Amino acid sequence: MSPAIEFQNVSKGFRRRSSRVLMRSLFKSLILGRETKEEFQALKSITFRIEPGEGVAIVGSNGAGKSTLLSLVAGLVPPDQGTVKVNGRISPLLELGSGFHPDLTGLENLKMNASLLGINKKRFDQIRGDIIEFADIGDFIYEPLRTYSTGMGMRLAFAVAVCVDPDILLIDEVLAVGDKAFQAKCFERILDFKRRGKTIVCVSHAAGTVRELCTRGIWLDHGDLMLDGPLSEVSAAYEGRLIRHAT
């Protein structure tokens, strides 16, 4: 069986303005009108594979490369080196509502967002009622998004993401959506994905959430893959590193 996700020697860097620049370079940039920047390596020759139905937690401190890894899986950015292979429909719960337009109605935004996730019109018509019912925002579904509260927009985005029946669900610290009742409904839907054998890749600092969704962990540190194995072992190693650095 083909893996759900496979990284082979994947590296990804970003250019950023350097806060410490040699005077010589600074003068050169001023004279030539070029901005001096430095390369930041978010991921460094990462190799792993995730099988269909696995729940995998990506752990690491801020700046470790976790969100970059999820962005590569989602196809939002290309790798600089190596290959990323994904088999199955992805639903990314990364920045909820980032593809929505404020002047379109909630329903129009649902159609647009679903099409970006690979859902054709016929399939959307079949699941539209489920999405609207899950979002539970009443007649606001026919109003422009700019009239929504932040919570209502998040409800709409989460609803379309979980109702398209993805093969792979990517979660990046977005489970605190709306009130507690809606959070519980969202989490139950994600647990249902797990019970149905969907692949889940999760970044979250909520240890309880991670343990319920995942059995495997991948620890990243400044772009390097430090450890890949059972979640209990990876979490213990990572937390032990944090304790040693804090003392």
Protein backbone atom coordinates (compact mmCIF):
# COMPACT_ATOMS: atom_id res chain seq x y z
CA MET A 1 0.00 0.00 0.00
CA SER A 2 1.28 3.47 -0.86
CA PRO A 3 2.00 5.79 2.08
CA ALA A 4 -0.45 8.61 2.76
CA ILE A 5 2.47 11.04 3.07
CA GLU A 6 6.13 10.60 2.18
CA PHE A 7 9.04 13.02 2.56
CA GLN A 8 12.35 12.15 0.90
CA ASN A 9 15.33 14.37 1.85
CA VAL A 10 13.10 17.45 2.02
CA SER A 11 14.62 20.83 2.78
CA LYS A 12 12.87 24.20 2.86
CA GLY A 13 14.37 27.61 3.47
CA PHE A 14 13.06 31.15 3.63
CA ARG A 15 14.81 34.45 3.15
CA ARG A 16 14.62 36.95 5.98
CA ARG A 17 16.21 40.27 6.76
CA SER A 18 19.28 39.83 8.92
CA SER A 19 19.32 41.69 12.23
CA ARG A 20 23.12 41.47 12.37
CA VAL A 21 24.76 42.58 9.15
CA LEU A 22 28.44 43.27 8.56
CA MET A 23 29.10 46.98 7.99
CA ARG A 24 30.68 46.17 4.63
CA SER A 25 27.53 44.35 3.52
CA LEU A 26 25.34 47.15 4.80
CA PHE A 27 27.22 49.77 2.76
CA LYS A 28 27.02 47.51 -0.29
CA SER A 29 23.27 47.15 0.10
CA LEU A 30 22.84 50.92 0.48
CA ILE A 31 25.00 51.72 -2.56
CA LEU A 32 23.51 49.04 -4.82
CA GLY A 33 20.01 49.45 -3.49
CA ARG A 34 19.81 45.79 -2.54
CA GLU A 35 18.34 44.58 0.71
CA THR A 36 20.63 42.27 2.67
CA LYS A 37 18.87 39.08 3.68
CA GLU A 38 19.87 35.76 5.12
CA GLU A 39 18.56 32.26 4.55
CA PHE A 40 16.58 30.57 7.30
CA GLN A 41 16.44 26.78 6.99
CA ALA A 42 13.03 25.71 8.27
CA LEU A 43 13.57 22.03 7.38
CA LYS A 44 16.83 20.21 6.70
CA SER A 45 16.88 16.96 4.68
CA ILE A 46 13.80 15.47 6.36
CA THR A 47 12.80 11.89 5.49
CA PHE A 48 9.78 10.00 6.83
CA ARG A 49 6.60 8.28 5.70
CA ILE A 50 3.12 8.19 7.21
CA GLU A 51 0.88 5.22 6.47
CA PRO A 52 -2.87 5.53 5.80
CA GLY A 53 -4.83 5.65 9.05
CA GLU A 54 -1.93 6.78 11.24
CA GLY A 55 -2.28 9.61 13.76
CA VAL A 56 1.00 11.50 13.96
CA ALA A 57 1.87 14.42 16.23
CA ILE A 58 4.57 16.86 15.14
CA VAL A 59 6.26 18.19 18.28
CA GLY A 60 8.90 20.85 18.84
CA SER A 61 9.41 24.36 20.12
CA ASN A 62 8.45 27.53 18.23
CA GLY A 63 10.54 27.82 15.07
CA ALA A 64 11.20 24.07 14.91
CA GLY A 65 9.63 23.73 11.44
CA LYS A 66 6.27 22.19 12.38
CA SER A 67 4.01 24.58 10.45
CA THR A 68 6.38 24.53 7.47
CA LEU A 69 6.08 20.75 7.37
CA LEU A 70 2.28 20.96 7.35
CA SER A 71 2.38 23.64 4.65
CA LEU A 72 4.49 21.35 2.46
CA VAL A 73 2.05 18.48 2.95
CA ALA A 74 -0.87 20.78 2.08
CA GLY A 75 0.91 21.93 -1.08
CA LEU A 76 0.95 25.58 0.03
CA VAL A 77 4.70 25.83 -0.56
CA PRO A 78 7.11 23.70 -2.64
CA PRO A 79 10.25 22.07 -1.22
CA ASP A 80 13.63 23.55 -2.13
CA GLN A 81 15.12 20.07 -2.19
CA GLY A 82 13.75 16.53 -2.13
CA THR A 83 10.25 15.25 -2.83
CA VAL A 84 6.91 15.38 -1.03
CA LYS A 85 4.32 12.76 -2.03
CA VAL A 86 0.72 12.81 -0.82
CA ASN A 87 -1.94 10.22 -1.65
CA GLY A 88 -5.52 11.22 -0.94
CA ARG A 89 -7.66 14.31 -0.48
CA ILE A 90 -6.29 16.72 2.12
CA SER A 91 -8.30 18.99 4.38
CA PRO A 92 -5.96 21.45 6.10
CA LEU A 93 -7.10 23.02 9.38
CA LEU A 94 -4.23 25.51 9.36
CA GLU A 95 -5.41 29.13 9.17
CA LEU A 96 -9.16 28.77 9.21
CA GLY A 97 -10.92 31.09 6.83
CA SER A 98 -7.75 32.33 5.16
CA GLY A 99 -9.30 31.68 1.73
CA PHE A 100 -12.59 33.44 2.46
CA HIS A 101 -13.66 36.74 0.89
CA PRO A 102 -15.37 39.31 3.15
CA ASP A 103 -17.76 40.59 0.46
CA LEU A 104 -19.13 37.14 -0.43
CA THR A 105 -21.91 35.52 1.56
CA GLY A 106 -21.24 32.58 3.82
CA LEU A 107 -22.78 30.21 1.26
CA GLU A 108 -20.72 31.68 -1.58
CA ASN A 109 -17.57 31.31 0.50
CA LEU A 110 -18.48 27.69 1.21
CA LYS A 111 -18.73 26.97 -2.52
CA MET A 112 -15.40 28.65 -3.22
CA ASN A 113 -13.60 26.95 -0.33
CA ALA A 114 -14.97 23.53 -1.23
CA SER A 115 -13.79 23.93 -4.82
CA LEU A 116 -10.29 24.73 -3.54
CA LEU A 117 -10.41 21.42 -1.65
CA GLY A 118 -11.25 19.57 -4.89
CA ILE A 119 -15.03 19.27 -4.39
CA ASN A 120 -17.02 19.59 -7.63
CA LYS A 121 -20.45 21.22 -7.85
CA LYS A 122 -22.38 17.93 -7.79
CA ARG A 123 -20.62 16.75 -4.64
CA PHE A 124 -20.96 20.17 -3.01
CA ASP A 125 -24.72 20.14 -3.58
CA GLN A 126 -24.82 16.78 -1.78
CA ILE A 127 -22.93 17.95 1.30
CA ARG A 128 -24.05 21.60 1.44
CA GLY A 129 -26.79 20.86 3.96
CA ASP A 130 -24.36 19.01 6.25
CA ILE A 131 -21.91 21.92 6.17
CA ILE A 132 -24.59 24.51 6.95
CA GLU A 133 -26.01 22.37 9.75
CA PHE A 134 -22.56 21.79 11.27
CA ALA A 135 -21.66 25.51 11.18
CA ASP A 136 -24.98 26.36 12.85
CA ILE A 137 -24.94 30.10 12.14
CA GLY A 138 -28.58 30.42 11.08
CA ASP A 139 -29.59 32.93 8.41
CA PHE A 140 -26.15 34.54 8.54
CA ILE A 141 -25.19 31.94 5.95
CA TYR A 142 -26.80 34.29 3.39
CA GLU A 143 -25.06 37.44 4.69
CA PRO A 144 -21.64 38.83 3.63
CA LEU A 145 -18.75 37.46 5.66
CA ARG A 146 -17.77 40.99 6.76
CA THR A 147 -20.90 41.01 8.96
CA TYR A 148 -19.71 37.91 10.86
CA SER A 149 -18.05 37.81 14.24
CA THR A 150 -14.64 36.08 14.35
CA GLY A 151 -16.23 33.04 15.98
CA MET A 152 -18.87 32.73 13.26
CA GLY A 153 -16.23 32.88 10.53
CA MET A 154 -14.23 30.17 12.28
CA ARG A 155 -17.34 27.99 12.56
CA LEU A 156 -17.94 28.29 8.83
CA ALA A 157 -14.34 27.46 7.94
CA PHE A 158 -14.17 24.47 10.27
CA ALA A 159 -17.48 23.14 8.99
CA VAL A 160 -16.40 23.05 5.35
CA ALA A 161 -13.02 21.54 6.27
CA VAL A 162 -14.49 18.59 8.18
CA CYS A 163 -17.55 17.96 5.99
CA VAL A 164 -15.69 17.32 2.72
CA ASP A 165 -14.70 13.84 4.00
CA PRO A 166 -10.93 14.11 3.53
CA ASP A 167 -8.49 11.20 3.51
CA ILE A 168 -5.88 13.27 5.36
CA LEU A 169 -6.62 15.86 8.04
CA LEU A 170 -3.94 18.42 8.93
CA ILE A 171 -4.42 20.21 12.26
CA ASP A 172 -2.32 23.17 13.39
CA GLU A 173 -3.43 24.62 16.76
CA VAL A 174 -6.98 25.44 15.61
CA LEU A 175 -9.15 23.33 17.90
CA ALA A 176 -10.21 26.27 20.11
CA VAL A 177 -13.06 27.19 17.76
CA GLY A 178 -16.12 29.02 19.10
CA ASP A 179 -17.80 28.14 22.37
CA LYS A 180 -17.22 24.95 24.37
CA ALA A 181 -20.22 23.17 22.87
CA PHE A 182 -18.97 23.79 19.34
CA GLN A 183 -15.41 22.81 20.33
CA ALA A 184 -16.76 19.50 21.63
CA LYS A 185 -18.67 18.93 18.38
CA CYS A 186 -15.54 19.66 16.33
CA PHE A 187 -13.38 17.34 18.40
CA GLU A 188 -15.95 14.56 18.18
CA ARG A 189 -15.96 14.87 14.38
CA ILE A 190 -12.16 14.57 14.35
CA LEU A 191 -12.35 11.50 16.62
CA ASP A 192 -14.84 10.06 14.13
CA PHE A 193 -12.24 10.54 11.38
CA LYS A 194 -9.79 8.57 13.51
CA ARG A 195 -12.29 5.74 14.09
CA ARG A 196 -12.91 5.57 10.33
CA GLY A 197 -9.21 5.10 9.62
CA LYS A 198 -8.40 8.55 8.27
CA THR A 199 -4.85 9.88 8.44
CA ILE A 200 -4.33 12.68 10.97
CA VAL A 201 -1.26 14.89 11.30
CA CYS A 202 -1.48 17.19 14.30
CA VAL A 203 0.46 20.12 15.75
CA SER A 204 -0.86 21.11 19.16
CA HIS A 205 0.50 22.10 22.55
CA ALA A 206 -2.55 20.50 24.20
CA ALA A 207 -1.05 17.22 25.39
CA GLY A 208 -4.42 15.61 26.07
CA THR A 209 -5.67 16.36 22.56
CA VAL A 210 -2.52 14.94 20.99
CA ARG A 211 -2.70 11.72 23.00
CA GLU A 212 -6.31 11.11 21.94
CA LEU A 213 -5.60 11.64 18.24
CA CYS A 214 -2.08 10.30 17.78
CA THR A 215 0.03 7.23 18.56
CA ARG A 216 3.22 8.34 16.82
CA GLY A 217 5.37 11.41 17.23
CA ILE A 218 7.92 13.24 15.09
CA TRP A 219 10.15 15.67 16.98
CA LEU A 220 11.61 18.60 15.05
CA ASP A 221 14.27 20.96 16.38
CA HIS A 222 15.44 23.94 14.29
CA GLY A 223 14.59 22.07 11.11
CA ASP A 224 16.23 18.76 12.07
CA LEU A 225 14.32 15.54 12.66
CA MET A 226 15.42 14.53 16.16
CA LEU A 227 13.27 11.47 16.81
CA ASP A 228 10.48 9.51 15.11
CA GLY A 229 8.64 6.79 17.03
CA PRO A 230 5.86 5.99 19.53
CA LEU A 231 4.32 9.20 20.85
CA SER A 232 5.07 8.35 24.48
CA GLU A 233 8.80 7.96 23.75
CA VAL A 234 9.02 11.05 21.56
CA SER A 235 7.11 13.20 24.06
CA ALA A 236 9.32 12.00 26.95
CA ALA A 237 12.50 12.80 25.02
CA TYR A 238 11.24 16.22 23.94
CA GLU A 239 9.95 17.18 27.40
CA GLY A 240 13.19 15.97 28.96
CA ARG A 241 15.11 18.26 26.63
CA LEU A 242 12.93 21.20 27.69
CA ILE A 243 13.54 20.45 31.38
CA ARG A 244 17.31 20.22 30.89
CA HIS A 245 17.38 23.53 29.04
CA ALA A 246 15.25 25.20 31.72
CA THR A 247 17.62 24.24 34.55
